[in-house]
Amino acid sequence: MVFQKVSEVLAEYKGIEAGGITPETTFAELELDSLDRVELIMSLEEAFQVQIDTAAPLECVRDLVAIIEQQRGEAV
């Protein structure tokens, strides 16, 4: 499941528990600045073998999951 993997990558990056991350968790809540976002996107691109536009409007975890699912041809 894409959400589970995204939350695991986020949790590892931030040093927090994955269980506290929901699809509605915002990047502001995770205290991710622009550099953090770029590094996170690079990690997710590697993990899922996709390309994520860093200029895409990403506000919450759900946004990342939707982009990854779309690129992988999965239901959003």
PDB file of N, CA and C in Angstrom:
ATOM      1  N   MET A   1       0.848  -1.184   0.000  1.00  0.00           N
ATOM      2  CA  MET A   1       0.000   0.000   0.000  1.00  0.00           C
ATOM      3  C   MET A   1       0.895   1.249   0.000  1.00  0.00           C
ATOM      4  N   VAL A   2       0.576   2.175  -0.872  1.00  0.00           N
ATOM      5  CA  VAL A   2       1.405   3.356  -1.057  1.00  0.00           C
ATOM      6  C   VAL A   2       1.434   4.213   0.206  1.00  0.00           C
ATOM      7  N   PHE A   3       0.274   4.439   0.817  1.00  0.00           N
ATOM      8  CA  PHE A   3       0.252   5.293   2.011  1.00  0.00           C
ATOM      9  C   PHE A   3       1.162   4.747   3.097  1.00  0.00           C
ATOM     10  N   GLN A   4       1.119   3.459   3.320  1.00  0.00           N
ATOM     11  CA  GLN A   4       1.932   2.855   4.375  1.00  0.00           C
ATOM     12  C   GLN A   4       3.416   3.104   4.127  1.00  0.00           C
ATOM     13  N   LYS A   5       3.871   2.894   2.896  1.00  0.00           N
ATOM     14  CA  LYS A   5       5.286   3.100   2.565  1.00  0.00           C
ATOM     15  C   LYS A   5       5.660   4.569   2.691  1.00  0.00           C
ATOM     16  N   VAL A   6       4.786   5.471   2.221  1.00  0.00           N
ATOM     17  CA  VAL A   6       5.059   6.908   2.336  1.00  0.00           C
ATOM     18  C   VAL A   6       5.176   7.297   3.805  1.00  0.00           C
ATOM     19  N   SER A   7       4.268   6.804   4.635  1.00  0.00           N
ATOM     20  CA  SER A   7       4.319   7.157   6.058  1.00  0.00           C
ATOM     21  C   SER A   7       5.572   6.590   6.717  1.00  0.00           C
ATOM     22  N   GLU A   8       6.016   5.399   6.293  1.00  0.00           N
ATOM     23  CA  GLU A   8       7.246   4.831   6.830  1.00  0.00           C
ATOM     24  C   GLU A   8       8.463   5.671   6.447  1.00  0.00           C
ATOM     25  N   VAL A   9       8.520   6.106   5.193  1.00  0.00           N
ATOM     26  CA  VAL A   9       9.634   6.941   4.740  1.00  0.00           C
ATOM     27  C   VAL A   9       9.630   8.267   5.500  1.00  0.00           C
ATOM     28  N   LEU A  10       8.451   8.867   5.645  1.00  0.00           N
ATOM     29  CA  LEU A  10       8.330  10.119   6.404  1.00  0.00           C
ATOM     30  C   LEU A  10       8.754   9.941   7.860  1.00  0.00           C
ATOM     31  N   ALA A  11       8.287   8.875   8.465  1.00  0.00           N
ATOM     32  CA  ALA A  11       8.601   8.621   9.872  1.00  0.00           C
ATOM     33  C   ALA A  11      10.099   8.433  10.062  1.00  0.00           C
ATOM     34  N   GLU A  12      10.715   7.686   9.172  1.00  0.00           N
ATOM     35  CA  GLU A  12      12.159   7.471   9.272  1.00  0.00           C
ATOM     36  C   GLU A  12      12.896   8.793   9.084  1.00  0.00           C
ATOM     37  N   TYR A  13      12.465   9.581   8.109  1.00  0.00           N
ATOM     38  CA  TYR A  13      13.115  10.862   7.830  1.00  0.00           C
ATOM     39  C   TYR A  13      13.018  11.809   9.030  1.00  0.00           C
ATOM     40  N   LYS A  14      11.854  11.851   9.662  1.00  0.00           N
ATOM     41  CA  LYS A  14      11.623  12.766  10.779  1.00  0.00           C
ATOM     42  C   LYS A  14      11.967  12.166  12.145  1.00  0.00           C
ATOM     43  N   GLY A  15      12.215  10.866  12.192  1.00  0.00           N
ATOM     44  CA  GLY A  15      12.511  10.225  13.466  1.00  0.00           C
ATOM     45  C   GLY A  15      11.305  10.163  14.389  1.00  0.00           C
ATOM     46  N   ILE A  16      10.137   9.881  13.775  1.00  0.00           N
ATOM     47  CA  ILE A  16       8.891   9.794  14.538  1.00  0.00           C
ATOM     48  C   ILE A  16       8.222   8.453  14.246  1.00  0.00           C
ATOM     49  N   GLU A  17       7.136   8.172  14.954  1.00  0.00           N
ATOM     50  CA  GLU A  17       6.375   6.945  14.738  1.00  0.00           C
ATOM     51  C   GLU A  17       5.466   7.091  13.507  1.00  0.00           C
ATOM     52  N   ALA A  18       5.480   6.085  12.643  1.00  0.00           N
ATOM     53  CA  ALA A  18       4.640   6.113  11.438  1.00  0.00           C
ATOM     54  C   ALA A  18       3.158   6.120  11.786  1.00  0.00           C
ATOM     55  N   GLY A  19       2.797   5.541  12.933  1.00  0.00           N
ATOM     56  CA  GLY A  19       1.395   5.479  13.331  1.00  0.00           C
ATOM     57  C   GLY A  19       0.766   6.839  13.568  1.00  0.00           C
ATOM     58  N   GLY A  20       1.577   7.850  13.800  1.00  0.00           N
ATOM     59  CA  GLY A  20       1.056   9.194  14.022  1.00  0.00           C
ATOM     60  C   GLY A  20       0.815   9.981  12.748  1.00  0.00           C
ATOM     61  N   ILE A  21       1.135   9.379  11.609  1.00  0.00           N
ATOM     62  CA  ILE A  21       0.970  10.052  10.322  1.00  0.00           C
ATOM     63  C   ILE A  21      -0.307   9.551   9.665  1.00  0.00           C
ATOM     64  N   THR A  22      -1.144  10.483   9.256  1.00  0.00           N
ATOM     65  CA  THR A  22      -2.386  10.161   8.556  1.00  0.00           C
ATOM     66  C   THR A  22      -2.333  10.783   7.158  1.00  0.00           C
ATOM     67  N   PRO A  23      -3.253  10.407   6.262  1.00  0.00           N
ATOM     68  CA  PRO A  23      -3.278  11.048   4.949  1.00  0.00           C
ATOM     69  C   PRO A  23      -3.472  12.566   5.042  1.00  0.00           C
ATOM     70  N   GLU A  24      -4.132  13.017   6.107  1.00  0.00           N
ATOM     71  CA  GLU A  24      -4.404  14.442   6.261  1.00  0.00           C
ATOM     72  C   GLU A  24      -3.269  15.212   6.944  1.00  0.00           C
ATOM     73  N   THR A  25      -2.231  14.506   7.396  1.00  0.00           N
ATOM     74  CA  THR A  25      -1.105  15.171   8.044  1.00  0.00           C
ATOM     75  C   THR A  25      -0.447  16.116   7.050  1.00  0.00           C
ATOM     76  N   THR A  26      -0.308  17.374   7.455  1.00  0.00           N
ATOM     77  CA  THR A  26       0.302  18.361   6.563  1.00  0.00           C
ATOM     78  C   THR A  26       1.809  18.410   6.766  1.00  0.00           C
ATOM     79  N   PHE A  27       2.476  18.953   5.773  1.00  0.00           N
ATOM     80  CA  PHE A  27       3.923  19.100   5.885  1.00  0.00           C
ATOM     81  C   PHE A  27       4.273  20.158   6.918  1.00  0.00           C
ATOM     82  N   ALA A  28       3.379  21.110   7.129  1.00  0.00           N
ATOM     83  CA  ALA A  28       3.593  22.111   8.178  1.00  0.00           C
ATOM     84  C   ALA A  28       3.561  21.433   9.551  1.00  0.00           C
ATOM     85  N   GLU A  29       2.626  20.498   9.734  1.00  0.00           N
ATOM     86  CA  GLU A  29       2.548  19.766  11.001  1.00  0.00           C
ATOM     87  C   GLU A  29       3.803  18.935  11.238  1.00  0.00           C
ATOM     88  N   LEU A  30       4.386  18.437  10.170  1.00  0.00           N
ATOM     89  CA  LEU A  30       5.619  17.653  10.275  1.00  0.00           C
ATOM     90  C   LEU A  30       6.862  18.537  10.334  1.00  0.00           C
ATOM     91  N   GLU A  31       6.637  19.841  10.234  1.00  0.00           N
ATOM     92  CA  GLU A  31       7.717  20.830  10.274  1.00  0.00           C
ATOM     93  C   GLU A  31       8.765  20.571   9.186  1.00  0.00           C
ATOM     94  N   LEU A  32       8.263  20.338   7.965  1.00  0.00           N
ATOM     95  CA  LEU A  32       9.145  20.131   6.822  1.00  0.00           C
ATOM     96  C   LEU A  32       9.339  21.444   6.082  1.00  0.00           C
ATOM     97  N   ASP A  33      10.582  21.894   5.975  1.00  0.00           N
ATOM     98  CA  ASP A  33      10.843  23.098   5.198  1.00  0.00           C
ATOM     99  C   ASP A  33      11.070  22.694   3.739  1.00  0.00           C
ATOM    100  N   SER A  34      11.394  23.645   2.878  1.00  0.00           N
ATOM    101  CA  SER A  34      11.511  23.353   1.449  1.00  0.00           C
ATOM    102  C   SER A  34      12.645  22.367   1.159  1.00  0.00           C
ATOM    103  N   LEU A  35      13.744  22.456   1.878  1.00  0.00           N
ATOM    104  CA  LEU A  35      14.839  21.504   1.682  1.00  0.00           C
ATOM    105  C   LEU A  35      14.417  20.105   2.120  1.00  0.00           C
ATOM    106  N   ASP A  36      13.717  20.023   3.241  1.00  0.00           N
ATOM    107  CA  ASP A  36      13.207  18.732   3.706  1.00  0.00           C
ATOM    108  C   ASP A  36      12.300  18.101   2.655  1.00  0.00           C
ATOM    109  N   ARG A  37      11.446  18.914   2.064  1.00  0.00           N
ATOM    110  CA  ARG A  37      10.508  18.401   1.058  1.00  0.00           C
ATOM    111  C   ARG A  37      11.252  17.822  -0.139  1.00  0.00           C
ATOM    112  N   VAL A  38      12.281  18.535  -0.599  1.00  0.00           N
ATOM    113  CA  VAL A  38      13.051  18.060  -1.749  1.00  0.00           C
ATOM    114  C   VAL A  38      13.745  16.742  -1.405  1.00  0.00           C
ATOM    115  N   GLU A  39      14.355  16.665  -0.233  1.00  0.00           N
ATOM    116  CA  GLU A  39      15.025  15.437   0.181  1.00  0.00           C
ATOM    117  C   GLU A  39      14.027  14.287   0.324  1.00  0.00           C
ATOM    118  N   LEU A  40      12.876  14.585   0.880  1.00  0.00           N
ATOM    119  CA  LEU A  40      11.840  13.579   1.036  1.00  0.00           C
ATOM    120  C   LEU A  40      11.357  13.091  -0.327  1.00  0.00           C
ATOM    121  N   ILE A  41      11.118  14.000  -1.243  1.00  0.00           N
ATOM    122  CA  ILE A  41      10.672  13.637  -2.589  1.00  0.00           C
ATOM    123  C   ILE A  41      11.704  12.754  -3.265  1.00  0.00           C
ATOM    124  N   MET A  42      12.975  13.082  -3.099  1.00  0.00           N
ATOM    125  CA  MET A  42      14.027  12.260  -3.697  1.00  0.00           C
ATOM    126  C   MET A  42      14.002  10.842  -3.115  1.00  0.00           C
ATOM    127  N   SER A  43      13.792  10.725  -1.826  1.00  0.00           N
ATOM    128  CA  SER A  43      13.706   9.406  -1.180  1.00  0.00           C
ATOM    129  C   SER A  43      12.508   8.620  -1.703  1.00  0.00           C
ATOM    130  N   LEU A  44      11.372   9.300  -1.858  1.00  0.00           N
ATOM    131  CA  LEU A  44      10.168   8.638  -2.351  1.00  0.00           C
ATOM    132  C   LEU A  44      10.304   8.241  -3.815  1.00  0.00           C
ATOM    133  N   GLU A  45      10.949   9.080  -4.608  1.00  0.00           N
ATOM    134  CA  GLU A  45      11.178   8.740  -6.016  1.00  0.00           C
ATOM    135  C   GLU A  45      12.002   7.463  -6.123  1.00  0.00           C
ATOM    136  N   GLU A  46      13.003   7.356  -5.268  1.00  0.00           N
ATOM    137  CA  GLU A  46      13.843   6.156  -5.274  1.00  0.00           C
ATOM    138  C   GLU A  46      13.060   4.937  -4.785  1.00  0.00           C
ATOM    139  N   ALA A  47      12.290   5.108  -3.729  1.00  0.00           N
ATOM    140  CA  ALA A  47      11.542   3.994  -3.151  1.00  0.00           C
ATOM    141  C   ALA A  47      10.476   3.451  -4.101  1.00  0.00           C
ATOM    142  N   PHE A  48       9.825   4.346  -4.852  1.00  0.00           N
ATOM    143  CA  PHE A  48       8.718   3.946  -5.720  1.00  0.00           C
ATOM    144  C   PHE A  48       9.061   3.924  -7.206  1.00  0.00           C
ATOM    145  N   GLN A  49      10.283   4.353  -7.555  1.00  0.00           N
ATOM    146  CA  GLN A  49      10.685   4.411  -8.958  1.00  0.00           C
ATOM    147  C   GLN A  49       9.729   5.273  -9.781  1.00  0.00           C
ATOM    148  N   VAL A  50       9.454   6.491  -9.272  1.00  0.00           N
ATOM    149  CA  VAL A  50       8.590   7.455  -9.956  1.00  0.00           C
ATOM    150  C   VAL A  50       9.299   8.803  -9.992  1.00  0.00           C
ATOM    151  N   GLN A  51       8.711   9.738 -10.733  1.00  0.00           N
ATOM    152  CA  GLN A  51       9.195  11.112 -10.768  1.00  0.00           C
ATOM    153  C   GLN A  51       8.119  12.008 -10.165  1.00  0.00           C
ATOM    154  N   ILE A  52       8.491  12.807  -9.168  1.00  0.00           N
ATOM    155  CA  ILE A  52       7.548  13.704  -8.512  1.00  0.00           C
ATOM    156  C   ILE A  52       8.003  15.128  -8.781  1.00  0.00           C
ATOM    157  N   ASP A  53       7.130  15.920  -9.360  1.00  0.00           N
ATOM    158  CA  ASP A  53       7.430  17.318  -9.661  1.00  0.00           C
ATOM    159  C   ASP A  53       7.528  18.094  -8.351  1.00  0.00           C
ATOM    160  N   THR A  54       8.695  18.651  -8.079  1.00  0.00           N
ATOM    161  CA  THR A  54       8.882  19.400  -6.830  1.00  0.00           C
ATOM    162  C   THR A  54       8.062  20.681  -6.810  1.00  0.00           C
ATOM    163  N   ALA A  55       7.566  21.104  -7.981  1.00  0.00           N
ATOM    164  CA  ALA A  55       6.726  22.301  -8.035  1.00  0.00           C
ATOM    165  C   ALA A  55       5.246  21.971  -7.855  1.00  0.00           C
ATOM    166  N   ALA A  56       4.930  20.687  -7.766  1.00  0.00           N
ATOM    167  CA  ALA A  56       3.531  20.278  -7.584  1.00  0.00           C
ATOM    168  C   ALA A  56       3.020  20.800  -6.242  1.00  0.00           C
ATOM    169  N   PRO A  57       1.726  21.153  -6.195  1.00  0.00           N
ATOM    170  CA  PRO A  57       1.162  21.660  -4.935  1.00  0.00           C
ATOM    171  C   PRO A  57       0.985  20.531  -3.917  1.00  0.00           C
ATOM    172  N   LEU A  58       1.956  20.383  -3.041  1.00  0.00           N
ATOM    173  CA  LEU A  58       1.935  19.338  -2.030  1.00  0.00           C
ATOM    174  C   LEU A  58       1.723  19.970  -0.664  1.00  0.00           C
ATOM    175  N   GLU A  59       0.576  19.705  -0.079  1.00  0.00           N
ATOM    176  CA  GLU A  59       0.259  20.261   1.234  1.00  0.00           C
ATOM    177  C   GLU A  59       0.216  19.198   2.328  1.00  0.00           C
ATOM    178  N   CYS A  60      -0.159  17.979   1.929  1.00  0.00           N
ATOM    179  CA  CYS A  60      -0.311  16.921   2.933  1.00  0.00           C
ATOM    180  C   CYS A  60       0.134  15.582   2.355  1.00  0.00           C
ATOM    181  N   VAL A  61       0.172  14.594   3.199  1.00  0.00           N
ATOM    182  CA  VAL A  61       0.614  13.261   2.814  1.00  0.00           C
ATOM    183  C   VAL A  61      -0.268  12.707   1.693  1.00  0.00           C
ATOM    184  N   ARG A  62      -1.558  12.971   1.763  1.00  0.00           N
ATOM    185  CA  ARG A  62      -2.485  12.493   0.728  1.00  0.00           C
ATOM    186  C   ARG A  62      -2.057  12.968  -0.665  1.00  0.00           C
ATOM    187  N   ASP A  63      -1.546  14.183  -0.784  1.00  0.00           N
ATOM    188  CA  ASP A  63      -1.100  14.711  -2.073  1.00  0.00           C
ATOM    189  C   ASP A  63       0.033  13.865  -2.650  1.00  0.00           C
ATOM    190  N   LEU A  64       0.993  13.507  -1.810  1.00  0.00           N
ATOM    191  CA  LEU A  64       2.102  12.659  -2.259  1.00  0.00           C
ATOM    192  C   LEU A  64       1.614  11.284  -2.677  1.00  0.00           C
ATOM    193  N   VAL A  65       0.747  10.705  -1.883  1.00  0.00           N
ATOM    194  CA  VAL A  65       0.210   9.376  -2.182  1.00  0.00           C
ATOM    195  C   VAL A  65      -0.515   9.397  -3.526  1.00  0.00           C
ATOM    196  N   ALA A  66      -1.311  10.418  -3.772  1.00  0.00           N
ATOM    197  CA  ALA A  66      -2.073  10.517  -5.028  1.00  0.00           C
ATOM    198  C   ALA A  66      -1.143  10.597  -6.232  1.00  0.00           C
ATOM    199  N   ILE A  67      -0.082  11.376  -6.134  1.00  0.00           N
ATOM    200  CA  ILE A  67       0.868  11.505  -7.246  1.00  0.00           C
ATOM    201  C   ILE A  67       1.550  10.165  -7.513  1.00  0.00           C
ATOM    202  N   ILE A  68       1.976   9.503  -6.461  1.00  0.00           N
ATOM    203  CA  ILE A  68       2.664   8.213  -6.617  1.00  0.00           C
ATOM    204  C   ILE A  68       1.714   7.179  -7.202  1.00  0.00           C
ATOM    205  N   GLU A  69       0.492   7.105  -6.693  1.00  0.00           N
ATOM    206  CA  GLU A  69      -0.475   6.144  -7.220  1.00  0.00           C
ATOM    207  C   GLU A  69      -0.788   6.421  -8.683  1.00  0.00           C
ATOM    208  N   GLN A  70      -0.914   7.689  -9.034  1.00  0.00           N
ATOM    209  CA  GLN A  70      -1.212   8.052 -10.417  1.00  0.00           C
ATOM    210  C   GLN A  70      -0.073   7.604 -11.335  1.00  0.00           C
ATOM    211  N   GLN A  71       1.161   7.847 -10.908  1.00  0.00           N
ATOM    212  CA  GLN A  71       2.292   7.467 -11.744  1.00  0.00           C
ATOM    213  C   GLN A  71       2.462   5.953 -11.845  1.00  0.00           C
ATOM    214  N   ARG A  72       2.045   5.257 -10.830  1.00  0.00           N
ATOM    215  CA  ARG A  72       2.157   3.804 -10.848  1.00  0.00           C
ATOM    216  C   ARG A  72       0.937   3.150 -11.472  1.00  0.00           C
ATOM    217  N   GLY A  73      -0.051   3.963 -11.869  1.00  0.00           N
ATOM    218  CA  GLY A  73      -1.249   3.437 -12.513  1.00  0.00           C
ATOM    219  C   GLY A  73      -2.207   2.782 -11.551  1.00  0.00           C
ATOM    220  N   GLU A  74      -2.123   3.147 -10.267  1.00  0.00           N
ATOM    221  CA  GLU A  74      -3.010   2.587  -9.252  1.00  0.00           C
ATOM    222  C   GLU A  74      -4.187   3.519  -9.046  1.00  0.00           C
ATOM    223  N   ALA A  75      -5.237   2.987  -8.468  1.00  0.00           N
ATOM    224  CA  ALA A  75      -6.431   3.800  -8.160  1.00  0.00           C
ATOM    225  C   ALA A  75      -6.082   4.846  -7.129  1.00  0.00           C
ATOM    226  N   VAL A  76      -6.578   6.038  -7.346  1.00  0.00           N
ATOM    227  CA  VAL A  76      -6.310   7.141  -6.413  1.00  0.00           C
ATOM    228  C   VAL A  76      -7.399   7.192  -5.379  1.00  0.00           C
TER     229      VAL A  76
END
